[in-house]
Structure formats: C-alpha cells, structure tokens
Amino acid sequence: MVRLAAYDYRELGKLLRAKLNEDGRGWRACAGDIGVSASDLSRICNGQSVSAPKVIAVSDWLRLSFRAFYLPPPAVPKPDIAEVFHGKSTETERSVDV
C-alpha cells in the first residue's frame, strides 16, 4: 500500500489548544485575531482538516512553520536495472520457421 503525503492535524491541534488555553481570552477573540472562525479552531483542536489558508493563518499565529506538520510520502526506491530489463525482447527476438 502506498502512503500519500499527509498533514498532522492532531499535532497542530495539540499545540493550538495549549496556546488557546494559555492565551485565556477565549476562542472567538483568538479566532478574530487569527482570521479564522471559532469553529475552524475547534476542528483543528479535534484533529480535523481545514483549508490550507487556515492552516497557514493558525501556524503564523503560533509562530510556527506550517511545514512543520507536513508528512511527506516515503521515498520510493528505484528498481534495479536488472528488474526493469530482463534481457529478452519480443520485438527483436527472431522467429524460426519450421
């Protein structure tokens, strides 16, 4: 099974929740400063996805790079040339008349 690129919303949500609790002004006030809705903050804190601009806005408010939570796909190993080329060709192999 191939793993695709992903984003760690759970980790972002943990950091966001801690910062919101530390701030103490309430989620609506913080959401206004960030430029997102309080429901967006709730979704992120619960590990749910939101749009890229909202992730960037929250990351900026947290003073973190939005790329810190990016999970790239694993590198795909290149096949050995022997696996790609088996030495026989159906196009150039000579046929023998019987």
N, C-alpha and C. Protein backbone atom coordinates (compact mmCIF):
# COMPACT_ATOMS: atom_id res chain seq x y z
N MET A 1 0.85 -1.19 0.00
CA MET A 1 0.00 0.00 0.00
C MET A 1 0.88 1.24 0.00
N VAL A 2 0.59 2.17 -0.86
CA VAL A 2 1.37 3.39 -0.98
C VAL A 2 0.80 4.44 -0.03
N ARG A 3 1.68 5.05 0.76
CA ARG A 3 1.25 6.12 1.66
C ARG A 3 1.45 7.43 0.95
N LEU A 4 0.42 8.26 0.94
CA LEU A 4 0.48 9.56 0.29
C LEU A 4 0.96 10.62 1.27
N ALA A 5 1.25 11.77 0.76
CA ALA A 5 1.59 12.90 1.62
C ALA A 5 0.38 13.21 2.51
N ALA A 6 0.66 13.68 3.71
CA ALA A 6 -0.42 13.97 4.66
C ALA A 6 -0.05 15.18 5.51
N TYR A 7 -0.94 15.54 6.40
CA TYR A 7 -0.71 16.66 7.29
C TYR A 7 -1.12 16.22 8.69
N ASP A 8 -0.28 16.52 9.68
CA ASP A 8 -0.52 16.09 11.06
C ASP A 8 -1.39 17.11 11.79
N TYR A 9 -2.69 17.05 11.53
CA TYR A 9 -3.63 17.96 12.17
C TYR A 9 -3.72 17.71 13.67
N ARG A 10 -3.51 16.49 14.10
CA ARG A 10 -3.57 16.18 15.54
C ARG A 10 -2.49 16.94 16.31
N GLU A 11 -1.27 16.92 15.79
CA GLU A 11 -0.18 17.62 16.48
C GLU A 11 -0.40 19.13 16.45
N LEU A 12 -0.83 19.64 15.31
CA LEU A 12 -1.15 21.06 15.22
C LEU A 12 -2.25 21.40 16.22
N GLY A 13 -3.25 20.55 16.32
CA GLY A 13 -4.35 20.77 17.25
C GLY A 13 -3.92 20.79 18.71
N LYS A 14 -2.98 19.91 19.07
CA LYS A 14 -2.47 19.88 20.45
C LYS A 14 -1.79 21.21 20.79
N LEU A 15 -0.95 21.68 19.89
CA LEU A 15 -0.24 22.93 20.13
C LEU A 15 -1.20 24.12 20.15
N LEU A 16 -2.18 24.09 19.25
CA LEU A 16 -3.15 25.18 19.21
C LEU A 16 -3.99 25.22 20.49
N ARG A 17 -4.46 24.07 20.95
CA ARG A 17 -5.27 24.02 22.17
C ARG A 17 -4.48 24.56 23.36
N ALA A 18 -3.22 24.17 23.46
CA ALA A 18 -2.38 24.65 24.57
C ALA A 18 -2.22 26.17 24.52
N LYS A 19 -2.00 26.70 23.32
CA LYS A 19 -1.82 28.15 23.16
C LYS A 19 -3.13 28.89 23.45
N LEU A 20 -4.25 28.35 23.01
CA LEU A 20 -5.54 28.98 23.28
C LEU A 20 -5.83 29.01 24.77
N ASN A 21 -5.54 27.92 25.47
CA ASN A 21 -5.74 27.88 26.92
C ASN A 21 -4.82 28.86 27.64
N GLU A 22 -3.59 28.95 27.15
CA GLU A 22 -2.61 29.87 27.74
C GLU A 22 -3.03 31.33 27.51
N ASP A 23 -3.58 31.60 26.34
CA ASP A 23 -3.98 32.97 25.99
C ASP A 23 -5.08 33.48 26.93
N GLY A 24 -6.09 32.66 27.18
CA GLY A 24 -7.14 33.00 28.14
C GLY A 24 -8.22 33.95 27.68
N ARG A 25 -8.15 34.49 26.47
CA ARG A 25 -9.16 35.45 26.00
C ARG A 25 -10.40 34.79 25.44
N GLY A 26 -10.37 33.52 25.21
CA GLY A 26 -11.50 32.84 24.58
C GLY A 26 -11.23 32.60 23.11
N TRP A 27 -11.87 31.55 22.62
CA TRP A 27 -11.61 31.12 21.25
C TRP A 27 -12.11 32.12 20.21
N ARG A 28 -13.23 32.78 20.45
CA ARG A 28 -13.75 33.74 19.47
C ARG A 28 -12.81 34.92 19.30
N ALA A 29 -12.29 35.42 20.41
CA ALA A 29 -11.35 36.55 20.33
C ALA A 29 -10.08 36.14 19.59
N CYS A 30 -9.55 34.97 19.90
CA CYS A 30 -8.34 34.48 19.23
C CYS A 30 -8.62 34.22 17.75
N ALA A 31 -9.77 33.65 17.46
CA ALA A 31 -10.13 33.37 16.06
C ALA A 31 -10.16 34.67 15.26
N GLY A 32 -10.69 35.74 15.87
CA GLY A 32 -10.71 37.04 15.19
C GLY A 32 -9.32 37.56 14.90
N ASP A 33 -8.40 37.38 15.85
CA ASP A 33 -7.01 37.80 15.63
C ASP A 33 -6.34 36.97 14.55
N ILE A 34 -6.65 35.69 14.52
CA ILE A 34 -6.01 34.78 13.57
C ILE A 34 -6.58 34.97 12.16
N GLY A 35 -7.86 35.25 12.07
CA GLY A 35 -8.51 35.39 10.76
C GLY A 35 -9.25 34.14 10.34
N VAL A 36 -9.67 33.35 11.31
CA VAL A 36 -10.46 32.15 11.06
C VAL A 36 -11.67 32.19 11.99
N SER A 37 -12.56 31.22 11.86
CA SER A 37 -13.72 31.17 12.74
C SER A 37 -13.41 30.32 13.98
N ALA A 38 -14.20 30.49 15.01
CA ALA A 38 -14.04 29.68 16.22
C ALA A 38 -14.28 28.20 15.90
N SER A 39 -15.19 27.93 14.96
CA SER A 39 -15.42 26.53 14.58
C SER A 39 -14.21 25.94 13.85
N ASP A 40 -13.47 26.78 13.11
CA ASP A 40 -12.22 26.30 12.50
C ASP A 40 -11.22 25.90 13.58
N LEU A 41 -11.11 26.72 14.62
CA LEU A 41 -10.21 26.39 15.72
C LEU A 41 -10.63 25.08 16.39
N SER A 42 -11.93 24.91 16.56
CA SER A 42 -12.43 23.68 17.16
C SER A 42 -12.08 22.46 16.31
N ARG A 43 -12.26 22.59 14.99
CA ARG A 43 -11.93 21.47 14.09
C ARG A 43 -10.45 21.11 14.19
N ILE A 44 -9.60 22.12 14.17
CA ILE A 44 -8.16 21.86 14.25
C ILE A 44 -7.81 21.22 15.59
N CYS A 45 -8.36 21.75 16.67
CA CYS A 45 -8.07 21.20 18.00
C CYS A 45 -8.54 19.75 18.14
N ASN A 46 -9.52 19.37 17.34
CA ASN A 46 -10.02 17.99 17.36
C ASN A 46 -9.35 17.12 16.30
N GLY A 47 -8.27 17.63 15.68
CA GLY A 47 -7.51 16.85 14.71
C GLY A 47 -8.14 16.72 13.35
N GLN A 48 -9.12 17.58 13.05
CA GLN A 48 -9.78 17.54 11.75
C GLN A 48 -9.10 18.50 10.77
N SER A 49 -9.29 18.24 9.50
CA SER A 49 -8.63 19.07 8.49
C SER A 49 -9.41 20.35 8.23
N VAL A 50 -8.68 21.36 7.83
CA VAL A 50 -9.24 22.64 7.36
C VAL A 50 -8.43 23.04 6.13
N SER A 51 -8.83 24.09 5.48
CA SER A 51 -8.14 24.51 4.25
C SER A 51 -6.72 25.00 4.54
N ALA A 52 -5.91 24.98 3.50
CA ALA A 52 -4.52 25.41 3.62
C ALA A 52 -4.37 26.85 4.13
N PRO A 53 -5.16 27.81 3.62
CA PRO A 53 -5.01 29.18 4.14
C PRO A 53 -5.27 29.27 5.65
N LYS A 54 -6.20 28.48 6.15
CA LYS A 54 -6.49 28.48 7.58
C LYS A 54 -5.36 27.86 8.38
N VAL A 55 -4.77 26.79 7.84
CA VAL A 55 -3.62 26.17 8.49
C VAL A 55 -2.47 27.17 8.56
N ILE A 56 -2.24 27.90 7.49
CA ILE A 56 -1.17 28.89 7.45
C ILE A 56 -1.43 30.00 8.45
N ALA A 57 -2.67 30.48 8.52
CA ALA A 57 -3.01 31.54 9.46
C ALA A 57 -2.79 31.10 10.90
N VAL A 58 -3.23 29.88 11.23
CA VAL A 58 -3.05 29.36 12.60
C VAL A 58 -1.57 29.16 12.89
N SER A 59 -0.83 28.61 11.93
CA SER A 59 0.60 28.40 12.12
C SER A 59 1.33 29.72 12.34
N ASP A 60 0.96 30.73 11.58
CA ASP A 60 1.57 32.06 11.77
C ASP A 60 1.28 32.58 13.18
N TRP A 61 0.05 32.42 13.64
CA TRP A 61 -0.32 32.88 14.97
C TRP A 61 0.46 32.14 16.05
N LEU A 62 0.71 30.86 15.80
CA LEU A 62 1.51 30.05 16.73
C LEU A 62 3.01 30.32 16.58
N ARG A 63 3.37 31.10 15.55
CA ARG A 63 4.77 31.39 15.22
C ARG A 63 5.55 30.11 14.89
N LEU A 64 4.89 29.27 14.10
CA LEU A 64 5.47 28.02 13.63
C LEU A 64 5.36 27.96 12.12
N SER A 65 6.24 27.22 11.50
CA SER A 65 6.13 26.99 10.07
C SER A 65 5.00 25.99 9.83
N PHE A 66 4.13 26.29 8.87
CA PHE A 66 3.06 25.34 8.54
C PHE A 66 3.64 24.03 8.03
N ARG A 67 4.87 24.07 7.52
CA ARG A 67 5.51 22.86 7.01
C ARG A 67 5.95 21.92 8.13
N ALA A 68 5.96 22.41 9.36
CA ALA A 68 6.39 21.57 10.49
C ALA A 68 5.48 20.36 10.67
N PHE A 69 4.27 20.41 10.16
CA PHE A 69 3.30 19.33 10.35
C PHE A 69 3.06 18.53 9.08
N TYR A 70 3.80 18.85 8.03
CA TYR A 70 3.68 18.13 6.76
C TYR A 70 4.35 16.77 6.87
N LEU A 71 3.66 15.74 6.42
CA LEU A 71 4.18 14.37 6.44
C LEU A 71 4.37 13.92 5.00
N PRO A 72 5.61 14.01 4.49
CA PRO A 72 5.83 13.65 3.08
C PRO A 72 5.67 12.14 2.88
N PRO A 73 5.36 11.74 1.65
CA PRO A 73 5.30 10.30 1.38
C PRO A 73 6.70 9.72 1.48
N PRO A 74 6.79 8.44 1.81
CA PRO A 74 8.11 7.84 1.86
C PRO A 74 8.75 7.80 0.47
N ALA A 75 10.05 7.84 0.44
CA ALA A 75 10.76 7.77 -0.84
C ALA A 75 10.51 6.40 -1.48
N VAL A 76 10.27 6.42 -2.76
CA VAL A 76 10.05 5.18 -3.49
C VAL A 76 11.40 4.70 -4.01
N PRO A 77 11.83 3.49 -3.62
CA PRO A 77 13.12 3.01 -4.10
C PRO A 77 13.08 2.76 -5.61
N LYS A 78 14.17 3.09 -6.25
CA LYS A 78 14.25 2.86 -7.70
C LYS A 78 14.56 1.38 -7.93
N PRO A 79 13.87 0.77 -8.89
CA PRO A 79 14.12 -0.65 -9.14
C PRO A 79 15.52 -0.87 -9.73
N ASP A 80 16.06 -2.01 -9.46
CA ASP A 80 17.34 -2.41 -10.02
C ASP A 80 17.16 -2.55 -11.53
N ILE A 81 18.15 -2.13 -12.29
CA ILE A 81 18.05 -2.17 -13.75
C ILE A 81 17.80 -3.60 -14.24
N ALA A 82 18.29 -4.59 -13.53
CA ALA A 82 18.07 -5.98 -13.92
C ALA A 82 16.59 -6.34 -13.82
N GLU A 83 15.87 -5.70 -12.89
CA GLU A 83 14.44 -5.96 -12.76
C GLU A 83 13.66 -5.30 -13.89
N VAL A 84 14.17 -4.19 -14.39
CA VAL A 84 13.48 -3.48 -15.45
C VAL A 84 13.76 -4.13 -16.80
N PHE A 85 15.01 -4.48 -17.04
CA PHE A 85 15.40 -5.07 -18.31
C PHE A 85 15.77 -6.53 -18.08
N HIS A 86 14.98 -7.42 -18.64
CA HIS A 86 15.19 -8.84 -18.42
C HIS A 86 16.03 -9.50 -19.50
N GLY A 87 16.48 -8.73 -20.48
CA GLY A 87 17.39 -9.26 -21.48
C GLY A 87 16.74 -9.85 -22.71
N LYS A 88 15.42 -9.97 -22.75
CA LYS A 88 14.74 -10.53 -23.91
C LYS A 88 13.76 -9.50 -24.45
N SER A 89 13.63 -9.48 -25.71
CA SER A 89 12.70 -8.56 -26.34
C SER A 89 11.77 -9.32 -27.25
N THR A 90 10.51 -9.07 -27.13
CA THR A 90 9.55 -9.73 -28.03
C THR A 90 9.55 -9.08 -29.39
N GLU A 91 10.10 -7.87 -29.49
CA GLU A 91 10.12 -7.16 -30.76
C GLU A 91 11.32 -7.54 -31.62
N THR A 92 12.43 -7.88 -30.99
CA THR A 92 13.63 -8.16 -31.76
C THR A 92 14.00 -9.64 -31.79
N GLU A 93 13.31 -10.43 -31.02
CA GLU A 93 13.63 -11.86 -31.00
C GLU A 93 13.25 -12.47 -32.36
N ARG A 94 14.15 -13.25 -32.93
CA ARG A 94 13.91 -13.83 -34.23
C ARG A 94 12.98 -15.02 -34.11
N SER A 95 12.09 -15.11 -35.05
CA SER A 95 11.22 -16.28 -35.08
C SER A 95 11.85 -17.31 -36.04
N VAL A 96 11.73 -18.54 -35.70
CA VAL A 96 12.31 -19.61 -36.51
C VAL A 96 11.19 -20.26 -37.32
N ASP A 97 11.41 -20.36 -38.66
CA ASP A 97 10.42 -21.04 -39.49
C ASP A 97 10.61 -22.53 -39.37
N VAL A 98 9.55 -23.23 -39.20
CA VAL A 98 9.63 -24.69 -39.08
C VAL A 98 9.26 -25.34 -40.37
